[in-house]
N, C-alpha and C. Protein backbone atom coordinates (compact mmCIF):
# COMPACT_ATOMS: atom_id res chain seq x y z
N MET A 1 -57.79 4.68 -134.03
CA MET A 1 -58.46 3.63 -134.62
C MET A 1 -59.35 3.27 -133.51
N PRO A 2 -60.70 2.95 -133.75
CA PRO A 2 -61.63 2.59 -132.75
C PRO A 2 -61.27 1.15 -132.09
N ILE A 3 -61.93 1.01 -130.92
CA ILE A 3 -61.70 -0.26 -130.20
C ILE A 3 -62.91 -0.94 -130.16
N TYR A 4 -63.20 -2.15 -130.24
CA TYR A 4 -64.37 -2.79 -130.33
C TYR A 4 -64.08 -3.99 -129.34
N ALA A 5 -65.12 -4.46 -128.69
CA ALA A 5 -65.23 -5.60 -127.81
C ALA A 5 -65.96 -6.76 -128.51
N VAL A 6 -65.05 -7.84 -128.62
CA VAL A 6 -65.81 -9.14 -129.08
C VAL A 6 -66.10 -10.15 -128.17
N HIS A 7 -66.92 -11.18 -128.44
CA HIS A 7 -67.19 -12.17 -127.41
C HIS A 7 -67.48 -13.58 -128.14
N CYS A 8 -67.01 -14.67 -127.69
CA CYS A 8 -67.12 -16.03 -128.18
C CYS A 8 -68.14 -16.59 -127.57
N ASN A 9 -69.25 -17.02 -128.20
CA ASN A 9 -70.28 -17.71 -127.39
C ASN A 9 -70.02 -19.16 -126.93
N GLN A 10 -69.09 -19.74 -127.52
CA GLN A 10 -68.91 -21.37 -127.14
C GLN A 10 -67.91 -21.10 -125.91
N CYS A 11 -66.75 -20.46 -125.96
CA CYS A 11 -65.81 -20.68 -124.76
C CYS A 11 -65.79 -19.41 -123.83
N GLY A 12 -66.62 -18.49 -124.36
CA GLY A 12 -66.83 -17.19 -123.34
C GLY A 12 -65.71 -16.18 -123.22
N LYS A 13 -64.73 -16.43 -124.29
CA LYS A 13 -63.60 -15.53 -124.41
C LYS A 13 -64.00 -14.21 -124.94
N ASP A 14 -63.56 -13.09 -124.13
CA ASP A 14 -63.72 -11.90 -124.49
C ASP A 14 -62.53 -11.17 -124.97
N GLU A 15 -62.55 -10.40 -125.84
CA GLU A 15 -61.34 -9.61 -126.49
C GLU A 15 -61.69 -8.34 -126.88
N ASP A 16 -60.65 -7.25 -126.77
CA ASP A 16 -60.77 -6.04 -127.41
C ASP A 16 -60.02 -5.98 -128.68
N ILE A 17 -60.58 -5.48 -129.78
CA ILE A 17 -59.91 -5.47 -131.14
C ILE A 17 -59.96 -4.02 -131.66
N TYR A 18 -58.83 -3.91 -132.37
CA TYR A 18 -58.85 -2.25 -133.23
C TYR A 18 -59.06 -2.65 -134.53
N ARG A 19 -60.01 -1.83 -135.17
CA ARG A 19 -60.32 -1.97 -136.54
C ARG A 19 -60.69 -0.50 -136.97
N THR A 20 -60.38 -0.31 -138.17
CA THR A 20 -60.65 0.90 -138.85
C THR A 20 -62.21 0.93 -139.21
N ILE A 21 -62.90 2.05 -139.34
CA ILE A 21 -64.37 1.98 -139.54
C ILE A 21 -64.50 1.24 -140.88
N ALA A 22 -63.69 1.20 -141.74
CA ALA A 22 -63.97 0.44 -143.02
C ALA A 22 -63.94 -0.94 -142.85
N ASN A 23 -63.08 -1.58 -141.95
CA ASN A 23 -63.11 -2.93 -141.53
C ASN A 23 -63.89 -3.21 -140.31
N TYR A 24 -65.03 -2.51 -140.06
CA TYR A 24 -65.91 -2.80 -138.93
C TYR A 24 -66.40 -4.19 -138.79
N ASN A 25 -66.69 -4.80 -140.04
CA ASN A 25 -67.33 -6.06 -139.76
C ASN A 25 -66.34 -7.15 -139.92
N ASP A 26 -65.00 -7.00 -140.08
CA ASP A 26 -63.89 -7.98 -140.00
C ASP A 26 -63.55 -8.21 -138.61
N LEU A 27 -64.26 -9.29 -138.13
CA LEU A 27 -64.31 -9.87 -136.80
C LEU A 27 -63.44 -11.15 -136.83
N PRO A 28 -62.66 -11.33 -135.59
CA PRO A 28 -61.77 -12.49 -135.48
C PRO A 28 -62.71 -13.73 -135.32
N GLU A 29 -61.97 -14.81 -135.42
CA GLU A 29 -62.63 -16.22 -135.22
C GLU A 29 -62.04 -16.73 -133.91
N CYS A 30 -63.03 -17.49 -133.31
CA CYS A 30 -62.75 -18.21 -132.09
C CYS A 30 -63.50 -19.60 -132.13
N CYS A 31 -62.91 -20.55 -131.82
CA CYS A 31 -63.79 -22.03 -131.82
C CYS A 31 -64.34 -22.27 -133.13
N GLY A 32 -63.78 -21.90 -134.29
CA GLY A 32 -64.18 -22.24 -135.45
C GLY A 32 -65.32 -21.28 -135.96
N GLN A 33 -65.79 -20.21 -135.31
CA GLN A 33 -66.85 -19.41 -135.83
C GLN A 33 -66.41 -18.06 -135.47
N SER A 34 -67.14 -17.05 -136.06
CA SER A 34 -66.72 -15.64 -136.05
C SER A 34 -67.30 -15.16 -134.69
N MET A 35 -66.60 -14.25 -134.00
CA MET A 35 -66.94 -13.92 -132.63
C MET A 35 -67.91 -12.77 -132.73
N ASP A 36 -68.73 -12.61 -131.67
CA ASP A 36 -69.80 -11.60 -131.78
C ASP A 36 -69.31 -10.30 -131.10
N ARG A 37 -69.80 -9.09 -131.89
CA ARG A 37 -69.40 -7.77 -131.39
C ARG A 37 -70.25 -7.40 -130.12
N ILE A 38 -69.71 -6.94 -129.09
CA ILE A 38 -70.50 -6.46 -127.79
C ILE A 38 -70.80 -5.05 -128.20
N ILE A 39 -71.96 -4.53 -127.87
CA ILE A 39 -72.18 -3.23 -128.15
C ILE A 39 -71.78 -2.47 -126.79
N CYS A 40 -70.78 -1.51 -127.00
CA CYS A 40 -70.41 -0.86 -125.62
C CYS A 40 -70.88 0.58 -125.85
N ALA A 41 -71.00 1.41 -124.86
CA ALA A 41 -71.19 2.87 -124.86
C ALA A 41 -69.94 3.56 -125.40
N PRO A 42 -70.20 4.86 -126.01
CA PRO A 42 -68.94 5.52 -126.51
C PRO A 42 -68.12 6.07 -125.42
N GLN A 43 -66.90 6.26 -125.66
CA GLN A 43 -66.12 6.97 -124.74
C GLN A 43 -66.36 8.46 -124.69
N VAL A 44 -66.60 9.24 -123.69
CA VAL A 44 -66.95 10.49 -123.55
C VAL A 44 -65.87 11.09 -122.65
N ILE A 45 -65.35 12.22 -123.09
CA ILE A 45 -64.37 13.00 -122.26
C ILE A 45 -64.84 14.19 -121.69
N LYS A 46 -64.99 14.12 -120.36
CA LYS A 46 -65.77 15.32 -119.65
C LYS A 46 -65.08 16.64 -119.87
N ASP A 47 -65.90 17.58 -119.59
CA ASP A 47 -65.39 19.09 -119.81
C ASP A 47 -64.28 19.13 -118.68
N ILE A 48 -63.58 20.39 -118.85
CA ILE A 48 -62.55 20.57 -117.65
C ILE A 48 -63.19 21.12 -116.68
N ASP A 49 -62.47 20.97 -115.32
CA ASP A 49 -62.93 21.65 -114.24
C ASP A 49 -62.69 23.14 -114.31
N PRO A 50 -63.53 23.99 -113.68
CA PRO A 50 -63.41 25.47 -113.70
C PRO A 50 -62.03 25.89 -113.01
N TYR A 51 -61.54 26.81 -113.51
CA TYR A 51 -60.11 27.23 -112.84
C TYR A 51 -60.00 28.70 -113.09
N ILE A 52 -59.07 29.38 -112.24
CA ILE A 52 -59.18 30.88 -112.52
C ILE A 52 -57.76 31.11 -113.36
N SER A 53 -57.87 31.98 -114.32
CA SER A 53 -57.05 32.22 -115.26
C SER A 53 -55.76 33.02 -114.67
N GLN A 54 -54.65 32.59 -115.04
CA GLN A 54 -53.23 33.36 -114.42
C GLN A 54 -53.17 34.56 -115.11
N ILE A 55 -53.80 34.76 -116.30
CA ILE A 55 -53.48 35.82 -117.17
C ILE A 55 -54.27 37.10 -116.46
N ASP A 56 -55.68 37.02 -116.32
CA ASP A 56 -56.46 38.15 -115.84
C ASP A 56 -57.39 37.76 -114.64
N GLY A 57 -57.28 36.69 -114.12
CA GLY A 57 -58.10 36.24 -112.94
C GLY A 57 -59.45 35.99 -113.20
N SER A 58 -59.91 35.69 -114.52
CA SER A 58 -61.24 35.33 -114.84
C SER A 58 -61.38 33.99 -114.59
N VAL A 59 -62.75 33.47 -114.40
CA VAL A 59 -62.98 31.96 -114.08
C VAL A 59 -63.28 31.42 -115.61
N ILE A 60 -62.32 30.22 -116.00
CA ILE A 60 -62.78 29.52 -117.04
C ILE A 60 -63.40 28.31 -116.85
N THR A 61 -64.63 28.17 -117.53
CA THR A 61 -65.42 26.94 -117.07
C THR A 61 -65.63 25.93 -118.24
N SER A 62 -65.06 26.06 -119.35
CA SER A 62 -65.23 24.97 -120.35
C SER A 62 -63.90 25.14 -121.50
N ARG A 63 -63.99 23.91 -122.21
CA ARG A 63 -62.68 23.82 -123.13
C ARG A 63 -62.76 24.93 -124.05
N SER A 64 -63.94 25.34 -124.88
CA SER A 64 -64.18 26.44 -125.72
C SER A 64 -63.88 27.77 -125.26
N GLN A 65 -64.34 27.93 -123.94
CA GLN A 65 -63.89 29.23 -123.17
C GLN A 65 -62.40 29.34 -123.07
N HIS A 66 -61.66 28.14 -122.72
CA HIS A 66 -60.33 28.07 -122.44
C HIS A 66 -59.45 28.49 -123.70
N ARG A 67 -59.88 27.82 -124.80
CA ARG A 67 -59.34 28.27 -126.17
C ARG A 67 -59.49 29.63 -126.59
N ASP A 68 -60.66 30.06 -126.42
CA ASP A 68 -61.01 31.47 -126.82
C ASP A 68 -60.10 32.35 -125.93
N HIS A 69 -60.12 32.19 -124.58
CA HIS A 69 -59.25 32.94 -123.56
C HIS A 69 -57.83 32.97 -124.11
N LEU A 70 -57.21 31.73 -124.43
CA LEU A 70 -55.75 31.88 -124.92
C LEU A 70 -55.62 32.61 -126.04
N LYS A 71 -56.41 32.30 -127.02
CA LYS A 71 -56.38 33.20 -128.24
C LYS A 71 -56.46 34.59 -128.14
N ALA A 72 -57.42 34.98 -127.30
CA ALA A 72 -57.61 36.44 -126.95
C ALA A 72 -56.58 37.22 -126.45
N HIS A 73 -55.55 36.39 -125.72
CA HIS A 73 -54.47 36.80 -125.04
C HIS A 73 -53.13 36.55 -125.60
N GLY A 74 -53.10 36.03 -126.76
CA GLY A 74 -52.04 35.57 -127.74
C GLY A 74 -51.21 34.64 -126.96
N CYS A 75 -51.82 33.64 -126.26
CA CYS A 75 -50.98 32.57 -125.54
C CYS A 75 -51.27 31.23 -126.20
N VAL A 76 -50.40 30.24 -125.99
CA VAL A 76 -50.40 28.91 -126.50
C VAL A 76 -50.14 27.98 -125.40
N GLU A 77 -50.85 26.81 -125.27
CA GLU A 77 -50.46 25.80 -124.30
C GLU A 77 -49.03 25.16 -124.73
N VAL A 78 -48.33 24.96 -123.75
CA VAL A 78 -46.97 24.25 -124.15
C VAL A 78 -47.40 22.94 -124.68
N GLY A 79 -46.79 22.56 -125.70
CA GLY A 79 -47.04 21.11 -126.43
C GLY A 79 -48.08 21.34 -127.52
N ASN A 80 -48.64 22.46 -127.56
CA ASN A 80 -49.62 22.56 -128.51
C ASN A 80 -49.37 23.68 -129.63
N GLU A 81 -48.25 24.23 -129.49
CA GLU A 81 -47.69 25.29 -130.08
C GLU A 81 -47.33 24.71 -131.60
N LYS A 82 -47.59 25.52 -132.56
CA LYS A 82 -47.10 25.12 -134.02
C LYS A 82 -45.61 25.35 -134.10
N MET A 83 -44.93 24.26 -134.59
CA MET A 83 -43.60 24.34 -134.79
C MET A 83 -43.13 24.82 -136.03
N GLU A 84 -42.17 25.63 -136.28
CA GLU A 84 -41.71 26.00 -137.61
C GLU A 84 -40.68 24.75 -138.07
N PRO A 85 -40.67 24.55 -139.29
CA PRO A 85 -39.92 23.46 -139.82
C PRO A 85 -38.53 23.89 -139.72
N ARG A 86 -37.68 23.03 -139.48
CA ARG A 86 -36.12 23.36 -139.19
C ARG A 86 -35.53 23.75 -140.63
N LYS A 87 -34.93 24.87 -140.44
CA LYS A 87 -34.24 25.52 -141.63
C LYS A 87 -32.99 24.85 -142.02
N GLU A 88 -32.83 24.48 -143.27
CA GLU A 88 -31.66 23.80 -143.74
C GLU A 88 -30.42 24.69 -143.57
N SER A 89 -29.24 24.29 -142.95
CA SER A 89 -28.04 24.86 -143.03
C SER A 89 -27.37 24.89 -144.32
N TRP A 90 -26.84 26.01 -144.68
CA TRP A 90 -26.01 25.99 -145.95
C TRP A 90 -24.99 24.92 -146.06
N ILE A 91 -24.47 24.51 -145.05
CA ILE A 91 -23.39 23.43 -145.13
C ILE A 91 -23.98 22.05 -145.36
N GLU A 92 -25.27 21.92 -144.95
CA GLU A 92 -25.88 20.61 -145.30
C GLU A 92 -25.99 20.11 -146.61
N LYS A 93 -25.96 21.08 -147.47
CA LYS A 93 -26.03 20.70 -148.90
C LYS A 93 -24.68 20.18 -149.45
N LYS A 94 -24.79 19.04 -149.94
CA LYS A 94 -23.53 18.28 -150.47
C LYS A 94 -22.70 19.12 -151.22
N GLU A 95 -23.11 19.75 -152.29
CA GLU A 95 -22.25 20.48 -153.26
C GLU A 95 -21.43 21.47 -152.59
N GLN A 96 -22.28 22.18 -151.67
CA GLN A 96 -21.52 23.36 -150.64
C GLN A 96 -20.58 22.60 -149.87
N LYS A 97 -20.77 21.63 -149.33
CA LYS A 97 -19.87 20.98 -148.33
C LYS A 97 -18.80 20.62 -149.06
N ALA A 98 -18.70 20.03 -150.37
CA ALA A 98 -17.54 19.69 -151.08
C ALA A 98 -16.95 20.78 -151.41
N ALA A 99 -17.43 21.85 -151.80
CA ALA A 99 -16.83 23.17 -152.17
C ALA A 99 -15.96 23.74 -150.94
N LEU A 100 -16.58 23.77 -149.71
CA LEU A 100 -15.99 24.22 -148.57
C LEU A 100 -14.71 23.27 -148.26
N ARG A 101 -14.79 22.07 -148.26
CA ARG A 101 -13.70 21.22 -148.23
C ARG A 101 -12.57 21.51 -148.98
N GLN A 102 -12.78 21.78 -150.31
CA GLN A 102 -11.84 21.94 -151.21
C GLN A 102 -11.11 23.31 -150.91
N GLU A 103 -11.96 24.28 -150.62
CA GLU A 103 -11.45 25.72 -150.15
C GLU A 103 -10.51 25.67 -148.89
N ILE A 104 -10.85 24.77 -147.90
CA ILE A 104 -10.17 24.70 -146.70
C ILE A 104 -8.90 23.92 -147.01
N ALA A 105 -9.07 22.89 -147.93
CA ALA A 105 -7.73 22.25 -148.24
C ALA A 105 -6.90 23.06 -149.14
N ALA A 106 -7.28 23.95 -149.92
CA ALA A 106 -6.44 24.87 -150.80
C ALA A 106 -5.95 25.86 -149.90
N ARG A 107 -6.43 26.40 -148.97
CA ARG A 107 -5.99 27.44 -148.03
C ARG A 107 -4.81 26.71 -147.02
N ILE A 108 -5.03 25.46 -146.62
CA ILE A 108 -4.17 24.86 -145.90
C ILE A 108 -2.83 24.64 -146.80
N ASP A 109 -2.87 24.03 -148.06
CA ASP A 109 -1.80 23.95 -149.07
C ASP A 109 -1.08 25.17 -149.20
N SER A 110 -1.82 26.25 -149.26
CA SER A 110 -1.17 27.49 -149.61
C SER A 110 -0.22 28.02 -148.43
N ILE A 111 -0.48 27.67 -147.05
CA ILE A 111 0.11 27.86 -145.86
C ILE A 111 1.33 27.09 -145.91
N SER A 112 1.30 25.83 -146.22
CA SER A 112 2.60 24.97 -146.26
C SER A 112 3.59 25.30 -147.31
């Protein structure tokens, strides 16, 4: 959700607000009037610093080159890998759990 800076012209209060783009014009009130939006520069994330690849020793100079290099060598960054959904164990289904309990109880009764 984007962050916007707003300012009250009467009391001088500055505030950062979070709004969806759909609610861009929904500004808070202060001192009985709507606050003014302060036009701010957008946040820009700088590119990565060049580094030497531990895979083959080549120099990687950009994020796109980094992604392509990892893909070409079949590698993934830790924390960015796709996780497989957890497989449901057969014992987790209620009807199978009840059947297992009945079978265990029947075997215990047959021993006694």
